[in-house]
């Protein structure tokens, strides 16, 4: 198998500029086959999500919480009891811990059917009834990003406050779920 270097690709690209569009420059068969293989692999590859540096993402973050819609057990797990605006720093720290606990799963590729601590397709397996999980909701739109949020599985749907979200692959349906990470342990 032949190796195509960046320098070789730049040379091939330069030929078009040198000889003009429509010119008949012939590549060795091995190079043409390798370029075709690379193109096919890139067409079949999964898209790569953007990588964010967590401290930059959190720095300057504003926190707004409507405590009337919070799942008390789930909220207390990370945020403690937040009842007043004065306690929003506590909530911000809880959010930071939640994101940091989930961070190892940011780079998970593909849909493995049931690997613990990774995204699980709703078509492969569903959580236990009453289990609190993170869900990914599909909006099937180039203008609306998928939503990741916490919810409780009822046995047939996911509940988030007053909202009911059905599992499936359609618009506004939960396509994947993930168990919540364990809460941080207190250091004494």
C-alpha atoms as a PDB file:
ATOM      1  CA  UNK A   1       0.000   0.000   0.000  1.00  0.00           C
ATOM      2  CA  UNK A   2       1.266   3.459  -0.881  1.00  0.00           C
ATOM      3  CA  UNK A   3       1.380   6.399   1.536  1.00  0.00           C
ATOM      4  CA  UNK A   4      -0.027   9.719   0.368  1.00  0.00           C
ATOM      5  CA  UNK A   5       1.720  12.600   2.135  1.00  0.00           C
ATOM      6  CA  UNK A   6       0.458  16.148   2.508  1.00  0.00           C
ATOM      7  CA  UNK A   7       3.277  17.273   0.205  1.00  0.00           C
ATOM      8  CA  UNK A   8       2.130  14.848  -2.499  1.00  0.00           C
ATOM      9  CA  UNK A   9      -1.473  16.068  -2.185  1.00  0.00           C
ATOM     10  CA  UNK A  10      -0.324  19.679  -2.534  1.00  0.00           C
ATOM     11  CA  UNK A  11       1.654  18.731  -5.655  1.00  0.00           C
ATOM     12  CA  UNK A  12      -1.392  17.038  -7.213  1.00  0.00           C
ATOM     13  CA  UNK A  13      -3.546  20.057  -6.324  1.00  0.00           C
ATOM     14  CA  UNK A  14      -0.967  22.390  -7.877  1.00  0.00           C
ATOM     15  CA  UNK A  15      -1.129  20.520 -11.199  1.00  0.00           C
ATOM     16  CA  UNK A  16      -4.653  21.829 -11.774  1.00  0.00           C
ATOM     17  CA  UNK A  17      -3.443  25.381 -11.165  1.00  0.00           C
ATOM     18  CA  UNK A  18      -0.458  24.804 -13.459  1.00  0.00           C
ATOM     19  CA  UNK A  19      -2.196  22.988 -16.316  1.00  0.00           C
ATOM     20  CA  UNK A  20      -5.723  24.399 -15.914  1.00  0.00           C
ATOM     21  CA  UNK A  21      -9.125  22.787 -15.357  1.00  0.00           C
ATOM     22  CA  UNK A  22      -9.961  19.921 -17.676  1.00  0.00           C
ATOM     23  CA  UNK A  23      -6.306  19.006 -18.233  1.00  0.00           C
ATOM     24  CA  UNK A  24      -5.542  15.314 -18.415  1.00  0.00           C
ATOM     25  CA  UNK A  25      -2.891  14.660 -15.752  1.00  0.00           C
ATOM     26  CA  UNK A  26      -2.451  10.945 -15.078  1.00  0.00           C
ATOM     27  CA  UNK A  27      -1.762   9.596 -11.593  1.00  0.00           C
ATOM     28  CA  UNK A  28      -0.111   6.228 -11.033  1.00  0.00           C
ATOM     29  CA  UNK A  29      -2.806   3.568 -10.440  1.00  0.00           C
ATOM     30  CA  UNK A  30      -1.607   2.900  -6.869  1.00  0.00           C
ATOM     31  CA  UNK A  31      -1.988   6.586  -5.962  1.00  0.00           C
ATOM     32  CA  UNK A  32      -5.427   6.828  -7.566  1.00  0.00           C
ATOM     33  CA  UNK A  33      -6.588   3.714  -5.678  1.00  0.00           C
ATOM     34  CA  UNK A  34      -5.249   5.053  -2.365  1.00  0.00           C
ATOM     35  CA  UNK A  35      -6.903   8.451  -2.921  1.00  0.00           C
ATOM     36  CA  UNK A  36     -10.202   6.700  -3.700  1.00  0.00           C
ATOM     37  CA  UNK A  37      -9.850   4.579  -0.527  1.00  0.00           C
ATOM     38  CA  UNK A  38      -9.180   7.704   1.587  1.00  0.00           C
ATOM     39  CA  UNK A  39     -12.170   9.499   0.059  1.00  0.00           C
ATOM     40  CA  UNK A  40     -14.470   6.532   0.745  1.00  0.00           C
ATOM     41  CA  UNK A  41     -13.300   6.241   4.354  1.00  0.00           C
ATOM     42  CA  UNK A  42     -13.892   9.946   4.939  1.00  0.00           C
ATOM     43  CA  UNK A  43     -17.403   9.708   3.445  1.00  0.00           C
ATOM     44  CA  UNK A  44     -18.297   6.838   5.791  1.00  0.00           C
ATOM     45  CA  UNK A  45     -16.737   8.391   8.917  1.00  0.00           C
ATOM     46  CA  UNK A  46     -18.860   9.679  11.779  1.00  0.00           C
ATOM     47  CA  UNK A  47     -18.876  13.471  12.159  1.00  0.00           C
ATOM     48  CA  UNK A  48     -16.582  14.807  14.845  1.00  0.00           C
ATOM     49  CA  UNK A  49     -18.148  17.088  17.409  1.00  0.00           C
ATOM     50  CA  UNK A  50     -16.499  20.296  18.457  1.00  0.00           C
ATOM     51  CA  UNK A  51     -14.237  20.071  21.466  1.00  0.00           C
ATOM     52  CA  UNK A  52     -14.618  22.721  24.117  1.00  0.00           C
ATOM     53  CA  UNK A  53     -12.103  23.551  26.806  1.00  0.00           C
ATOM     54  CA  UNK A  54     -14.205  23.196  29.948  1.00  0.00           C
ATOM     55  CA  UNK A  55     -12.689  26.085  31.971  1.00  0.00           C
ATOM     56  CA  UNK A  56     -13.250  28.482  29.042  1.00  0.00           C
ATOM     57  CA  UNK A  57     -16.812  27.241  28.629  1.00  0.00           C
ATOM     58  CA  UNK A  58     -17.627  27.738  32.303  1.00  0.00           C
ATOM     59  CA  UNK A  59     -15.781  31.032  32.836  1.00  0.00           C
ATOM     60  CA  UNK A  60     -18.328  33.827  32.896  1.00  0.00           C
ATOM     61  CA  UNK A  61     -21.227  31.379  32.689  1.00  0.00           C
ATOM     62  CA  UNK A  62     -24.503  32.783  33.941  1.00  0.00           C
ATOM     63  CA  UNK A  63     -26.742  30.437  35.906  1.00  0.00           C
ATOM     64  CA  UNK A  64     -30.503  30.738  35.937  1.00  0.00           C
ATOM     65  CA  UNK A  65     -32.570  28.067  37.666  1.00  0.00           C
ATOM     66  CA  UNK A  66     -36.339  27.828  37.972  1.00  0.00           C
ATOM     67  CA  UNK A  67     -36.482  25.733  41.144  1.00  0.00           C
ATOM     68  CA  UNK A  68     -40.219  25.110  40.721  1.00  0.00           C
ATOM     69  CA  UNK A  69     -39.534  22.713  37.821  1.00  0.00           C
ATOM     70  CA  UNK A  70     -36.506  20.934  39.307  1.00  0.00           C
ATOM     71  CA  UNK A  71     -36.555  17.260  40.188  1.00  0.00           C
ATOM     72  CA  UNK A  72     -35.686  17.648  43.883  1.00  0.00           C
ATOM     73  CA  UNK A  73     -33.793  14.347  44.276  1.00  0.00           C
ATOM     74  CA  UNK A  74     -31.881  14.842  41.045  1.00  0.00           C
ATOM     75  CA  UNK A  75     -31.165  18.515  41.744  1.00  0.00           C
ATOM     76  CA  UNK A  76     -29.952  17.906  45.293  1.00  0.00           C
ATOM     77  CA  UNK A  77     -27.557  15.293  43.982  1.00  0.00           C
ATOM     78  CA  UNK A  78     -25.350  17.991  42.454  1.00  0.00           C
ATOM     79  CA  UNK A  79     -26.734  21.331  43.470  1.00  0.00           C
ATOM     80  CA  UNK A  80     -27.796  20.931  47.083  1.00  0.00           C
ATOM     81  CA  UNK A  81     -30.785  23.066  48.004  1.00  0.00           C
ATOM     82  CA  UNK A  82     -31.003  26.207  45.877  1.00  0.00           C
ATOM     83  CA  UNK A  83     -33.934  28.373  46.878  1.00  0.00           C
ATOM     84  CA  UNK A  84     -32.699  31.930  46.496  1.00  0.00           C
ATOM     85  CA  UNK A  85     -30.698  33.919  43.988  1.00  0.00           C
ATOM     86  CA  UNK A  86     -27.952  34.282  46.618  1.00  0.00           C
ATOM     87  CA  UNK A  87     -27.276  30.546  46.318  1.00  0.00           C
ATOM     88  CA  UNK A  88     -26.673  30.537  42.559  1.00  0.00           C
ATOM     89  CA  UNK A  89     -22.898  30.170  43.037  1.00  0.00           C
ATOM     90  CA  UNK A  90     -23.667  26.822  44.675  1.00  0.00           C
ATOM     91  CA  UNK A  91     -25.717  25.889  41.615  1.00  0.00           C
ATOM     92  CA  UNK A  92     -22.939  26.998  39.274  1.00  0.00           C
ATOM     93  CA  UNK A  93     -20.448  24.794  41.133  1.00  0.00           C
ATOM     94  CA  UNK A  94     -22.918  21.901  40.951  1.00  0.00           C
ATOM     95  CA  UNK A  95     -23.236  22.400  37.203  1.00  0.00           C
ATOM     96  CA  UNK A  96     -19.452  22.401  36.868  1.00  0.00           C
ATOM     97  CA  UNK A  97     -19.282  19.087  38.783  1.00  0.00           C
ATOM     98  CA  UNK A  98     -22.049  17.605  36.625  1.00  0.00           C
ATOM     99  CA  UNK A  99     -20.268  18.567  33.400  1.00  0.00           C
ATOM    100  CA  UNK A 100     -16.901  17.367  34.704  1.00  0.00           C
ATOM    101  CA  UNK A 101     -18.408  13.999  35.698  1.00  0.00           C
ATOM    102  CA  UNK A 102     -19.909  13.646  32.221  1.00  0.00           C
ATOM    103  CA  UNK A 103     -16.753  14.870  30.433  1.00  0.00           C
ATOM    104  CA  UNK A 104     -15.167  11.391  30.009  1.00  0.00           C
ATOM    105  CA  UNK A 105     -18.194  10.488  27.866  1.00  0.00           C
ATOM    106  CA  UNK A 106     -17.790  13.467  25.513  1.00  0.00           C
ATOM    107  CA  UNK A 107     -15.426  11.503  23.271  1.00  0.00           C
ATOM    108  CA  UNK A 108     -17.505   8.303  23.086  1.00  0.00           C
ATOM    109  CA  UNK A 109     -17.912   7.326  19.435  1.00  0.00           C
ATOM    110  CA  UNK A 110     -20.735   5.288  17.957  1.00  0.00           C
ATOM    111  CA  UNK A 111     -23.677   3.570  19.606  1.00  0.00           C
ATOM    112  CA  UNK A 112     -22.430   0.621  21.585  1.00  0.00           C
ATOM    113  CA  UNK A 113     -25.434  -1.298  22.902  1.00  0.00           C
ATOM    114  CA  UNK A 114     -25.184  -0.915  26.617  1.00  0.00           C
ATOM    115  CA  UNK A 115     -21.625  -0.039  27.507  1.00  0.00           C
ATOM    116  CA  UNK A 116     -21.908   1.369  31.039  1.00  0.00           C
ATOM    117  CA  UNK A 117     -21.364   5.134  31.322  1.00  0.00           C
ATOM    118  CA  UNK A 118     -21.836   5.798  27.609  1.00  0.00           C
ATOM    119  CA  UNK A 119     -24.745   6.789  25.372  1.00  0.00           C
ATOM    120  CA  UNK A 120     -27.219   3.954  24.785  1.00  0.00           C
ATOM    121  CA  UNK A 121     -29.588   3.997  21.835  1.00  0.00           C
ATOM    122  CA  UNK A 122     -33.263   3.895  22.860  1.00  0.00           C
ATOM    123  CA  UNK A 123     -33.755   1.298  20.120  1.00  0.00           C
ATOM    124  CA  UNK A 124     -31.192  -0.993  21.826  1.00  0.00           C
ATOM    125  CA  UNK A 125     -32.235  -0.793  25.466  1.00  0.00           C
ATOM    126  CA  UNK A 126     -34.264   1.376  27.830  1.00  0.00           C
ATOM    127  CA  UNK A 127     -33.441   2.391  31.428  1.00  0.00           C
ATOM    128  CA  UNK A 128     -35.142   0.885  34.473  1.00  0.00           C
ATOM    129  CA  UNK A 129     -38.550   2.336  35.325  1.00  0.00           C
ATOM    130  CA  UNK A 130     -38.086   5.355  37.637  1.00  0.00           C
ATOM    131  CA  UNK A 131     -34.382   5.734  36.762  1.00  0.00           C
ATOM    132  CA  UNK A 132     -33.017   9.283  36.372  1.00  0.00           C
ATOM    133  CA  UNK A 133     -30.881   9.571  33.227  1.00  0.00           C
ATOM    134  CA  UNK A 134     -29.463  12.043  30.717  1.00  0.00           C
ATOM    135  CA  UNK A 135     -31.288  12.005  27.374  1.00  0.00           C
ATOM    136  CA  UNK A 136     -30.454  13.330  23.924  1.00  0.00           C
ATOM    137  CA  UNK A 137     -33.485  14.784  22.141  1.00  0.00           C
ATOM    138  CA  UNK A 138     -33.487  15.006  18.336  1.00  0.00           C
ATOM    139  CA  UNK A 139     -35.010  18.103  16.724  1.00  0.00           C
ATOM    140  CA  UNK A 140     -34.073  17.025  13.166  1.00  0.00           C
ATOM    141  CA  UNK A 141     -33.173  20.564  12.211  1.00  0.00           C
ATOM    142  CA  UNK A 142     -30.033  22.285  11.018  1.00  0.00           C
ATOM    143  CA  UNK A 143     -31.028  25.317  13.094  1.00  0.00           C
ATOM    144  CA  UNK A 144     -31.770  23.564  16.399  1.00  0.00           C
ATOM    145  CA  UNK A 145     -29.024  21.511  18.024  1.00  0.00           C
ATOM    146  CA  UNK A 146     -29.929  18.263  19.788  1.00  0.00           C
ATOM    147  CA  UNK A 147     -30.819  18.829  23.441  1.00  0.00           C
ATOM    148  CA  UNK A 148     -29.156  16.933  26.279  1.00  0.00           C
ATOM    149  CA  UNK A 149     -31.030  17.078  29.578  1.00  0.00           C
ATOM    150  CA  UNK A 150     -31.872  15.033  32.643  1.00  0.00           C
ATOM    151  CA  UNK A 151     -35.159  13.146  32.824  1.00  0.00           C
ATOM    152  CA  UNK A 152     -36.855  10.275  34.656  1.00  0.00           C
ATOM    153  CA  UNK A 153     -37.947   7.174  32.726  1.00  0.00           C
ATOM    154  CA  UNK A 154     -41.580   6.264  33.480  1.00  0.00           C
ATOM    155  CA  UNK A 155     -41.555   2.856  31.830  1.00  0.00           C
ATOM    156  CA  UNK A 156     -42.702   4.152  28.440  1.00  0.00           C
ATOM    157  CA  UNK A 157     -41.676   7.831  28.232  1.00  0.00           C
ATOM    158  CA  UNK A 158     -39.174  10.255  29.754  1.00  0.00           C
ATOM    159  CA  UNK A 159     -40.485  12.967  32.105  1.00  0.00           C
ATOM    160  CA  UNK A 160     -38.764  16.294  32.696  1.00  0.00           C
ATOM    161  CA  UNK A 161     -40.913  18.485  34.920  1.00  0.00           C
ATOM    162  CA  UNK A 162     -44.221  18.829  33.077  1.00  0.00           C
ATOM    163  CA  UNK A 163     -42.731  17.725  29.742  1.00  0.00           C
ATOM    164  CA  UNK A 164     -43.188  14.196  28.382  1.00  0.00           C
ATOM    165  CA  UNK A 165     -40.630  13.037  25.817  1.00  0.00           C
ATOM    166  CA  UNK A 166     -41.164   9.845  23.834  1.00  0.00           C
ATOM    167  CA  UNK A 167     -38.247   7.566  22.943  1.00  0.00           C
ATOM    168  CA  UNK A 168     -37.625   7.018  19.222  1.00  0.00           C
ATOM    169  CA  UNK A 169     -35.880   8.406  16.166  1.00  0.00           C
ATOM    170  CA  UNK A 170     -38.471  11.008  15.185  1.00  0.00           C
ATOM    171  CA  UNK A 171     -38.565  14.756  15.662  1.00  0.00           C
ATOM    172  CA  UNK A 172     -38.608  15.855  19.328  1.00  0.00           C
ATOM    173  CA  UNK A 173     -37.967  12.307  20.522  1.00  0.00           C
ATOM    174  CA  UNK A 174     -35.233  10.969  22.807  1.00  0.00           C
ATOM    175  CA  UNK A 175     -32.830   8.963  20.647  1.00  0.00           C
ATOM    176  CA  UNK A 176     -30.224   8.066  23.296  1.00  0.00           C
ATOM    177  CA  UNK A 177     -29.889   7.954  27.068  1.00  0.00           C
ATOM    178  CA  UNK A 178     -27.068   7.640  29.585  1.00  0.00           C
ATOM    179  CA  UNK A 179     -27.036   6.763  33.287  1.00  0.00           C
ATOM    180  CA  UNK A 180     -26.210   9.719  35.505  1.00  0.00           C
ATOM    181  CA  UNK A 181     -22.679   9.768  36.882  1.00  0.00           C
ATOM    182  CA  UNK A 182     -22.213   9.037  40.560  1.00  0.00           C
ATOM    183  CA  UNK A 183     -22.210  12.185  42.719  1.00  0.00           C
ATOM    184  CA  UNK A 184     -18.860  13.358  44.064  1.00  0.00           C
ATOM    185  CA  UNK A 185     -17.875  11.885  47.421  1.00  0.00           C
ATOM    186  CA  UNK A 186     -17.367  14.227  50.353  1.00  0.00           C
ATOM    187  CA  UNK A 187     -13.798  14.518  51.578  1.00  0.00           C
ATOM    188  CA  UNK A 188     -13.534  14.627  55.367  1.00  0.00           C
END
